[in-house]
């Protein structure tokens, strides 16, 4: 057994888990944060994408014990009260979802991508960076549109803040 302490969505959490517990199962089964989906358990689909210490990672391939001491953000941690994160809003407004299964992982990967690129993105970069997140319903067009919309808002907000 391992005792794992993480800061999850801004709140410190300590859980005791079996050594073989994957981070995705800690998130879902021990923390009750079911927005992080289990799709493949082989790092192929990206449904389990979370932000760990500032990086988008697939939580189905990381042992929970390896994340001890880290900071973790799940899709549940993006909204501020009733105000959705800009990426969540863009996915809604651009209809960047259909069945919704891949949506949390797509959103988390997109949030990290926008942050890393300071909102300066084009369609090619978005498609390239989302290659590890599979969607079987949308054809990606509306997802790309949503990321472009959120990236533009990021640039606008940060340009205002810089003045």
C-alpha atoms as a PDB file:
ATOM      1  CA  UNK A   1       0.000   0.000   0.000  1.00  0.00           C
ATOM      2  CA  UNK A   2       1.059   3.584  -0.683  1.00  0.00           C
ATOM      3  CA  UNK A   3      -0.076   6.821   0.876  1.00  0.00           C
ATOM      4  CA  UNK A   4      -0.452   9.458  -1.819  1.00  0.00           C
ATOM      5  CA  UNK A   5      -0.868  13.167  -1.153  1.00  0.00           C
ATOM      6  CA  UNK A   6      -1.874  15.390  -4.058  1.00  0.00           C
ATOM      7  CA  UNK A   7      -3.253  18.868  -4.444  1.00  0.00           C
ATOM      8  CA  UNK A   8      -6.359  18.139  -6.509  1.00  0.00           C
ATOM      9  CA  UNK A   9      -8.210  21.086  -8.022  1.00  0.00           C
ATOM     10  CA  UNK A  10      -6.660  23.296  -5.343  1.00  0.00           C
ATOM     11  CA  UNK A  11      -7.432  21.057  -2.355  1.00  0.00           C
ATOM     12  CA  UNK A  12      -4.901  18.765  -0.684  1.00  0.00           C
ATOM     13  CA  UNK A  13      -6.015  15.131  -0.686  1.00  0.00           C
ATOM     14  CA  UNK A  14      -4.358  12.150   0.984  1.00  0.00           C
ATOM     15  CA  UNK A  15      -5.400   8.595   0.105  1.00  0.00           C
ATOM     16  CA  UNK A  16      -3.988   5.152   0.782  1.00  0.00           C
ATOM     17  CA  UNK A  17      -4.066   2.957  -2.320  1.00  0.00           C
ATOM     18  CA  UNK A  18      -2.604  -0.293  -3.558  1.00  0.00           C
ATOM     19  CA  UNK A  19       0.815   0.197  -5.125  1.00  0.00           C
ATOM     20  CA  UNK A  20      -0.534  -0.837  -8.542  1.00  0.00           C
ATOM     21  CA  UNK A  21      -3.329   1.773  -8.561  1.00  0.00           C
ATOM     22  CA  UNK A  22      -3.300   3.948 -11.638  1.00  0.00           C
ATOM     23  CA  UNK A  23      -3.787   7.679 -11.279  1.00  0.00           C
ATOM     24  CA  UNK A  24      -7.048   7.498 -13.253  1.00  0.00           C
ATOM     25  CA  UNK A  25      -8.465   5.034 -10.710  1.00  0.00           C
ATOM     26  CA  UNK A  26      -7.331   7.180  -7.784  1.00  0.00           C
ATOM     27  CA  UNK A  27      -9.127  10.124  -9.399  1.00  0.00           C
ATOM     28  CA  UNK A  28     -12.343   8.236 -10.164  1.00  0.00           C
ATOM     29  CA  UNK A  29     -12.619   5.580  -7.457  1.00  0.00           C
ATOM     30  CA  UNK A  30     -10.960   7.204  -4.455  1.00  0.00           C
ATOM     31  CA  UNK A  31     -11.671  10.896  -5.096  1.00  0.00           C
ATOM     32  CA  UNK A  32     -15.049  10.471  -6.823  1.00  0.00           C
ATOM     33  CA  UNK A  33     -14.099  12.747  -9.728  1.00  0.00           C
ATOM     34  CA  UNK A  34     -15.733  10.825 -12.551  1.00  0.00           C
ATOM     35  CA  UNK A  35     -15.261  13.471 -15.242  1.00  0.00           C
ATOM     36  CA  UNK A  36     -11.919  11.831 -16.004  1.00  0.00           C
ATOM     37  CA  UNK A  37     -12.908   8.886 -18.198  1.00  0.00           C
ATOM     38  CA  UNK A  38     -11.322   5.473 -18.640  1.00  0.00           C
ATOM     39  CA  UNK A  39     -11.340   4.723 -22.327  1.00  0.00           C
ATOM     40  CA  UNK A  40      -8.603   2.296 -23.230  1.00  0.00           C
ATOM     41  CA  UNK A  41      -6.088   1.810 -20.381  1.00  0.00           C
ATOM     42  CA  UNK A  42      -3.354   1.832 -23.038  1.00  0.00           C
ATOM     43  CA  UNK A  43      -2.714   5.586 -23.567  1.00  0.00           C
ATOM     44  CA  UNK A  44      -4.339   5.451 -27.020  1.00  0.00           C
ATOM     45  CA  UNK A  45      -7.520   7.517 -26.600  1.00  0.00           C
ATOM     46  CA  UNK A  46      -6.799  10.441 -24.249  1.00  0.00           C
ATOM     47  CA  UNK A  47     -10.160  10.282 -22.436  1.00  0.00           C
ATOM     48  CA  UNK A  48      -8.262  10.218 -19.129  1.00  0.00           C
ATOM     49  CA  UNK A  49      -6.200  13.381 -19.806  1.00  0.00           C
ATOM     50  CA  UNK A  50      -5.588  15.583 -16.755  1.00  0.00           C
ATOM     51  CA  UNK A  51      -3.088  18.322 -15.990  1.00  0.00           C
ATOM     52  CA  UNK A  52      -0.360  17.106 -13.642  1.00  0.00           C
ATOM     53  CA  UNK A  53       2.180  19.674 -12.489  1.00  0.00           C
ATOM     54  CA  UNK A  54       1.323  21.901 -15.438  1.00  0.00           C
ATOM     55  CA  UNK A  55       1.487  19.192 -18.126  1.00  0.00           C
ATOM     56  CA  UNK A  56      -1.336  17.376 -19.885  1.00  0.00           C
ATOM     57  CA  UNK A  57      -0.874  13.658 -19.169  1.00  0.00           C
ATOM     58  CA  UNK A  58      -2.839  10.493 -19.718  1.00  0.00           C
ATOM     59  CA  UNK A  59      -3.681   9.345 -16.216  1.00  0.00           C
ATOM     60  CA  UNK A  60      -4.198   5.708 -17.244  1.00  0.00           C
ATOM     61  CA  UNK A  61      -0.437   5.242 -17.631  1.00  0.00           C
ATOM     62  CA  UNK A  62       0.784   6.820 -14.397  1.00  0.00           C
ATOM     63  CA  UNK A  63       0.845   5.055 -11.077  1.00  0.00           C
ATOM     64  CA  UNK A  64      -0.889   7.043  -8.366  1.00  0.00           C
ATOM     65  CA  UNK A  65       2.167   6.645  -6.132  1.00  0.00           C
ATOM     66  CA  UNK A  66       4.340   8.276  -8.810  1.00  0.00           C
ATOM     67  CA  UNK A  67       2.169  11.405  -8.585  1.00  0.00           C
ATOM     68  CA  UNK A  68       2.691  11.797  -4.832  1.00  0.00           C
ATOM     69  CA  UNK A  69       3.345  15.436  -3.975  1.00  0.00           C
ATOM     70  CA  UNK A  70       2.043  16.706  -7.306  1.00  0.00           C
ATOM     71  CA  UNK A  71      -0.590  19.229  -8.264  1.00  0.00           C
ATOM     72  CA  UNK A  72      -3.450  17.807 -10.307  1.00  0.00           C
ATOM     73  CA  UNK A  73      -6.260  19.512 -12.203  1.00  0.00           C
ATOM     74  CA  UNK A  74      -9.212  17.526 -13.513  1.00  0.00           C
ATOM     75  CA  UNK A  75     -12.078  18.765 -15.655  1.00  0.00           C
ATOM     76  CA  UNK A  76     -14.063  19.351 -12.456  1.00  0.00           C
ATOM     77  CA  UNK A  77     -11.438  21.880 -11.356  1.00  0.00           C
ATOM     78  CA  UNK A  78     -11.702  24.183 -14.369  1.00  0.00           C
ATOM     79  CA  UNK A  79     -14.933  26.048 -13.637  1.00  0.00           C
ATOM     80  CA  UNK A  80     -14.963  28.790 -11.029  1.00  0.00           C
ATOM     81  CA  UNK A  81     -18.286  28.311  -9.282  1.00  0.00           C
ATOM     82  CA  UNK A  82     -21.003  28.676 -11.914  1.00  0.00           C
ATOM     83  CA  UNK A  83     -18.604  30.236 -14.460  1.00  0.00           C
ATOM     84  CA  UNK A  84     -17.254  27.703 -16.915  1.00  0.00           C
ATOM     85  CA  UNK A  85     -13.644  27.857 -18.041  1.00  0.00           C
ATOM     86  CA  UNK A  86     -13.284  29.569 -21.438  1.00  0.00           C
ATOM     87  CA  UNK A  87     -12.463  26.242 -23.111  1.00  0.00           C
ATOM     88  CA  UNK A  88     -15.583  24.636 -21.640  1.00  0.00           C
ATOM     89  CA  UNK A  89     -17.658  27.578 -22.866  1.00  0.00           C
ATOM     90  CA  UNK A  90     -16.129  27.353 -26.340  1.00  0.00           C
ATOM     91  CA  UNK A  91     -16.832  23.614 -26.558  1.00  0.00           C
ATOM     92  CA  UNK A  92     -20.448  24.360 -25.659  1.00  0.00           C
ATOM     93  CA  UNK A  93     -20.835  27.307 -28.038  1.00  0.00           C
ATOM     94  CA  UNK A  94     -19.090  25.588 -30.961  1.00  0.00           C
ATOM     95  CA  UNK A  95     -20.730  22.231 -30.231  1.00  0.00           C
ATOM     96  CA  UNK A  96     -17.323  20.592 -29.918  1.00  0.00           C
ATOM     97  CA  UNK A  97     -18.896  17.373 -28.648  1.00  0.00           C
ATOM     98  CA  UNK A  98     -21.432  14.760 -29.572  1.00  0.00           C
ATOM     99  CA  UNK A  99     -21.568  11.743 -27.286  1.00  0.00           C
ATOM    100  CA  UNK A 100     -19.319  13.585 -24.807  1.00  0.00           C
ATOM    101  CA  UNK A 101     -17.116  10.652 -23.827  1.00  0.00           C
ATOM    102  CA  UNK A 102     -13.888  12.195 -25.113  1.00  0.00           C
ATOM    103  CA  UNK A 103     -14.847  15.745 -24.140  1.00  0.00           C
ATOM    104  CA  UNK A 104     -13.176  15.968 -20.696  1.00  0.00           C
ATOM    105  CA  UNK A 105      -9.862  14.710 -22.085  1.00  0.00           C
ATOM    106  CA  UNK A 106     -10.136  16.983 -25.132  1.00  0.00           C
ATOM    107  CA  UNK A 107     -10.861  19.959 -22.892  1.00  0.00           C
ATOM    108  CA  UNK A 108      -7.932  19.240 -20.580  1.00  0.00           C
ATOM    109  CA  UNK A 109      -5.520  18.762 -23.497  1.00  0.00           C
ATOM    110  CA  UNK A 110      -6.842  21.991 -25.057  1.00  0.00           C
ATOM    111  CA  UNK A 111      -6.480  24.017 -21.854  1.00  0.00           C
ATOM    112  CA  UNK A 112      -2.863  22.912 -21.554  1.00  0.00           C
ATOM    113  CA  UNK A 113      -2.183  23.541 -25.249  1.00  0.00           C
ATOM    114  CA  UNK A 114      -3.586  27.076 -25.089  1.00  0.00           C
ATOM    115  CA  UNK A 115      -1.536  27.821 -21.966  1.00  0.00           C
ATOM    116  CA  UNK A 116       1.688  26.465 -23.480  1.00  0.00           C
ATOM    117  CA  UNK A 117       1.240  28.417 -26.716  1.00  0.00           C
ATOM    118  CA  UNK A 118      -0.037  31.592 -25.001  1.00  0.00           C
ATOM    119  CA  UNK A 119      -3.151  31.331 -27.150  1.00  0.00           C
ATOM    120  CA  UNK A 120      -1.216  31.570 -30.421  1.00  0.00           C
ATOM    121  CA  UNK A 121      -2.578  28.577 -32.302  1.00  0.00           C
ATOM    122  CA  UNK A 122      -3.648  27.622 -35.791  1.00  0.00           C
ATOM    123  CA  UNK A 123      -5.703  24.727 -37.083  1.00  0.00           C
ATOM    124  CA  UNK A 124      -2.656  22.646 -38.037  1.00  0.00           C
ATOM    125  CA  UNK A 125      -1.077  22.961 -34.578  1.00  0.00           C
ATOM    126  CA  UNK A 126      -4.331  22.116 -32.823  1.00  0.00           C
ATOM    127  CA  UNK A 127      -4.939  19.035 -34.966  1.00  0.00           C
ATOM    128  CA  UNK A 128      -1.338  17.900 -34.466  1.00  0.00           C
ATOM    129  CA  UNK A 129      -1.437  18.362 -30.690  1.00  0.00           C
ATOM    130  CA  UNK A 130      -4.799  16.619 -30.315  1.00  0.00           C
ATOM    131  CA  UNK A 131      -3.667  13.534 -32.265  1.00  0.00           C
ATOM    132  CA  UNK A 132      -3.411  11.590 -29.002  1.00  0.00           C
ATOM    133  CA  UNK A 133      -7.033  12.335 -28.083  1.00  0.00           C
ATOM    134  CA  UNK A 134      -9.525  10.320 -30.083  1.00  0.00           C
ATOM    135  CA  UNK A 135     -13.082  11.329 -30.896  1.00  0.00           C
ATOM    136  CA  UNK A 136     -15.235   8.833 -32.728  1.00  0.00           C
ATOM    137  CA  UNK A 137     -18.213  11.142 -33.291  1.00  0.00           C
ATOM    138  CA  UNK A 138     -17.335  14.679 -34.337  1.00  0.00           C
ATOM    139  CA  UNK A 139     -14.736  14.574 -37.093  1.00  0.00           C
ATOM    140  CA  UNK A 140     -12.828  17.180 -35.017  1.00  0.00           C
ATOM    141  CA  UNK A 141     -13.985  20.245 -36.991  1.00  0.00           C
ATOM    142  CA  UNK A 142     -16.053  21.719 -34.134  1.00  0.00           C
ATOM    143  CA  UNK A 143     -13.402  20.766 -31.580  1.00  0.00           C
ATOM    144  CA  UNK A 144     -10.791  22.709 -33.554  1.00  0.00           C
ATOM    145  CA  UNK A 145     -13.198  25.658 -33.843  1.00  0.00           C
ATOM    146  CA  UNK A 146     -13.747  25.571 -30.072  1.00  0.00           C
ATOM    147  CA  UNK A 147     -10.009  25.589 -29.350  1.00  0.00           C
ATOM    148  CA  UNK A 148      -9.474  28.467 -31.791  1.00  0.00           C
ATOM    149  CA  UNK A 149     -12.270  30.450 -30.102  1.00  0.00           C
ATOM    150  CA  UNK A 150     -10.873  29.823 -26.610  1.00  0.00           C
ATOM    151  CA  UNK A 151      -7.337  30.649 -27.782  1.00  0.00           C
ATOM    152  CA  UNK A 152      -8.540  33.975 -29.178  1.00  0.00           C
ATOM    153  CA  UNK A 153     -10.233  34.803 -25.884  1.00  0.00           C
ATOM    154  CA  UNK A 154      -7.012  33.869 -24.035  1.00  0.00           C
ATOM    155  CA  UNK A 155      -5.014  36.242 -26.256  1.00  0.00           C
ATOM    156  CA  UNK A 156      -7.572  39.034 -25.804  1.00  0.00           C
ATOM    157  CA  UNK A 157      -7.646  38.652 -22.004  1.00  0.00           C
ATOM    158  CA  UNK A 158      -3.881  38.502 -21.672  1.00  0.00           C
ATOM    159  CA  UNK A 159      -3.331  41.471 -23.988  1.00  0.00           C
ATOM    160  CA  UNK A 160      -5.636  43.539 -21.784  1.00  0.00           C
ATOM    161  CA  UNK A 161      -3.861  42.322 -18.645  1.00  0.00           C
ATOM    162  CA  UNK A 162      -0.463  43.251 -20.118  1.00  0.00           C
ATOM    163  CA  UNK A 163      -1.453  46.905 -20.738  1.00  0.00           C
END
